[in-house]
Amino acid sequence: MVNYRMEKADVALEDASFLSDSGRYNLAANRLYYALYYAASALLLSQGIVTKRHSGLIAQMHLHFVKTNILTVEEGALFKVMFDLRHEGDYEDFIDVERADIEEYAPQVTALVKKLKELI
């Protein structure tokens, strides 16, 4: 399951790049968030930690990896930022994710996914 989730994270990053290049920024934000989600869930599973909700995953990452200084506060904050960006792009009317958002966050998400993979 851990390997499967990491594969899904890699595919989501590829999808985000393709969607961003196509100008589909709402969908790119969705894929960036899910790349982070899948990688984090893989890391938690590798530690025997199972979550059922997005909020639970974020809370468990903070408890086990941010508070213990394995991840920085900024890396921990990226989970909430991407969750909110994805939520706005997916569910809010008349609010669109912009290219600048993707350009800012895509490298950060990619780096954090890589770090989570290394922690496994």
Protein backbone atom coordinates (compact mmCIF):
# COMPACT_ATOMS: atom_id res chain seq x y z
CA MET A 1 0.00 0.00 0.00
CA VAL A 2 2.87 2.37 0.78
CA ASN A 3 4.40 1.86 -2.67
CA TYR A 4 1.00 2.21 -4.32
CA ARG A 5 0.37 5.54 -2.60
CA MET A 6 3.79 6.82 -3.59
CA GLU A 7 3.13 5.83 -7.20
CA LYS A 8 -0.15 7.77 -7.02
CA ALA A 9 1.77 10.78 -5.67
CA ASP A 10 4.18 10.63 -8.61
CA VAL A 11 1.34 10.39 -11.12
CA ALA A 12 -0.47 13.29 -9.46
CA LEU A 13 2.67 15.44 -9.80
CA GLU A 14 2.90 14.55 -13.49
CA ASP A 15 -0.78 15.38 -13.93
CA ALA A 16 -0.30 18.73 -12.17
CA SER A 17 2.50 19.66 -14.55
CA PHE A 18 0.45 18.71 -17.61
CA LEU A 19 -2.62 20.58 -16.34
CA SER A 20 -0.61 23.66 -15.46
CA ASP A 21 0.96 23.69 -18.93
CA SER A 22 -2.59 23.51 -20.32
CA GLY A 23 -3.75 26.48 -18.24
CA ARG A 24 -6.01 24.31 -16.06
CA TYR A 25 -4.88 25.80 -12.75
CA ASN A 26 -7.82 24.65 -10.60
CA LEU A 27 -7.17 21.06 -11.63
CA ALA A 28 -3.40 21.51 -11.25
CA ALA A 29 -3.94 22.66 -7.65
CA ASN A 30 -6.12 19.60 -7.05
CA ARG A 31 -3.40 17.28 -8.33
CA LEU A 32 -0.69 19.06 -6.32
CA TYR A 33 -2.70 18.67 -3.15
CA TYR A 34 -3.35 15.00 -3.85
CA ALA A 35 0.32 14.37 -4.62
CA LEU A 36 1.07 15.68 -1.15
CA TYR A 37 -1.85 13.76 0.35
CA TYR A 38 -0.81 10.44 -1.20
CA ALA A 39 2.84 10.87 -0.19
CA ALA A 40 1.89 11.82 3.38
CA SER A 41 -0.53 8.91 3.66
CA ALA A 42 2.22 6.58 2.44
CA LEU A 43 4.59 7.92 5.08
CA LEU A 44 1.99 7.59 7.82
CA LEU A 45 1.13 4.04 6.71
CA SER A 46 4.83 3.15 6.80
CA GLN A 47 4.71 4.15 10.47
CA GLY A 48 1.53 2.16 11.15
CA ILE A 49 -0.65 5.29 11.30
CA VAL A 50 -4.00 5.13 9.52
CA THR A 51 -6.20 8.17 8.92
CA LYS A 52 -9.68 8.38 7.48
CA ARG A 53 -10.08 12.09 6.78
CA HIS A 54 -7.98 14.82 5.22
CA SER A 55 -8.02 16.76 8.48
CA GLY A 56 -6.82 13.66 10.31
CA LEU A 57 -3.93 13.21 7.92
CA ILE A 58 -2.87 16.84 8.37
CA ALA A 59 -3.15 16.54 12.15
CA GLN A 60 -1.13 13.32 12.23
CA MET A 61 1.59 14.80 10.02
CA HIS A 62 1.89 17.74 12.40
CA LEU A 63 1.90 15.53 15.48
CA HIS A 64 4.45 13.00 14.26
CA PHE A 65 6.63 14.98 11.87
CA VAL A 66 6.35 18.74 12.44
CA LYS A 67 6.29 18.78 16.25
CA THR A 68 9.23 16.36 16.26
CA ASN A 69 11.16 18.66 13.87
CA ILE A 70 11.42 16.03 11.13
CA LEU A 71 9.51 18.48 8.92
CA THR A 72 9.76 22.24 9.22
CA VAL A 73 6.85 24.40 10.28
CA GLU A 74 6.76 25.73 6.72
CA GLU A 75 6.56 22.23 5.28
CA GLY A 76 3.77 21.42 7.70
CA ALA A 77 1.91 24.59 6.75
CA LEU A 78 2.05 23.60 3.07
CA PHE A 79 -0.49 20.83 3.74
CA LYS A 80 -3.12 23.35 4.87
CA VAL A 81 -2.25 25.84 2.13
CA MET A 82 -2.67 23.22 -0.57
CA PHE A 83 -5.81 21.81 1.03
CA ASP A 84 -7.36 25.28 1.03
CA LEU A 85 -6.23 26.05 -2.52
CA ARG A 86 -7.63 22.77 -3.77
CA HIS A 87 -10.87 23.32 -1.91
CA GLU A 88 -11.33 26.79 -3.38
CA GLY A 89 -10.58 25.59 -6.90
CA ASP A 90 -12.87 22.58 -6.60
CA TYR A 91 -15.83 24.02 -4.70
CA GLU A 92 -15.93 27.81 -4.57
CA ASP A 93 -17.90 29.69 -7.21
CA PHE A 94 -16.13 32.49 -9.10
CA ILE A 95 -12.79 31.76 -7.44
CA ASP A 96 -10.10 30.36 -9.66
CA VAL A 97 -6.58 29.29 -8.86
CA GLU A 98 -4.14 31.43 -10.77
CA ARG A 99 -0.97 30.57 -12.63
CA ALA A 100 1.09 32.43 -10.02
CA ASP A 101 -0.28 30.12 -7.31
CA ILE A 102 0.81 27.04 -9.20
CA GLU A 103 4.21 28.54 -10.01
CA GLU A 104 4.71 29.32 -6.32
CA TYR A 105 3.53 26.04 -4.84
CA ALA A 106 4.42 23.37 -7.43
CA PRO A 107 8.16 23.42 -6.61
CA GLN A 108 7.43 23.35 -2.88
CA VAL A 109 5.03 20.42 -3.21
CA THR A 110 7.46 18.54 -5.46
CA ALA A 111 10.28 19.02 -2.96
CA LEU A 112 8.12 17.95 -0.03
CA VAL A 113 6.87 14.84 -1.84
CA LYS A 114 10.50 13.94 -2.49
CA LYS A 115 11.35 14.46 1.18
CA LEU A 116 8.39 12.35 2.34
CA LYS A 117 9.50 9.59 -0.03
CA GLU A 118 13.02 9.73 1.46
CA LEU A 119 11.58 9.48 4.98
CA ILE A 120 9.87 6.23 4.07
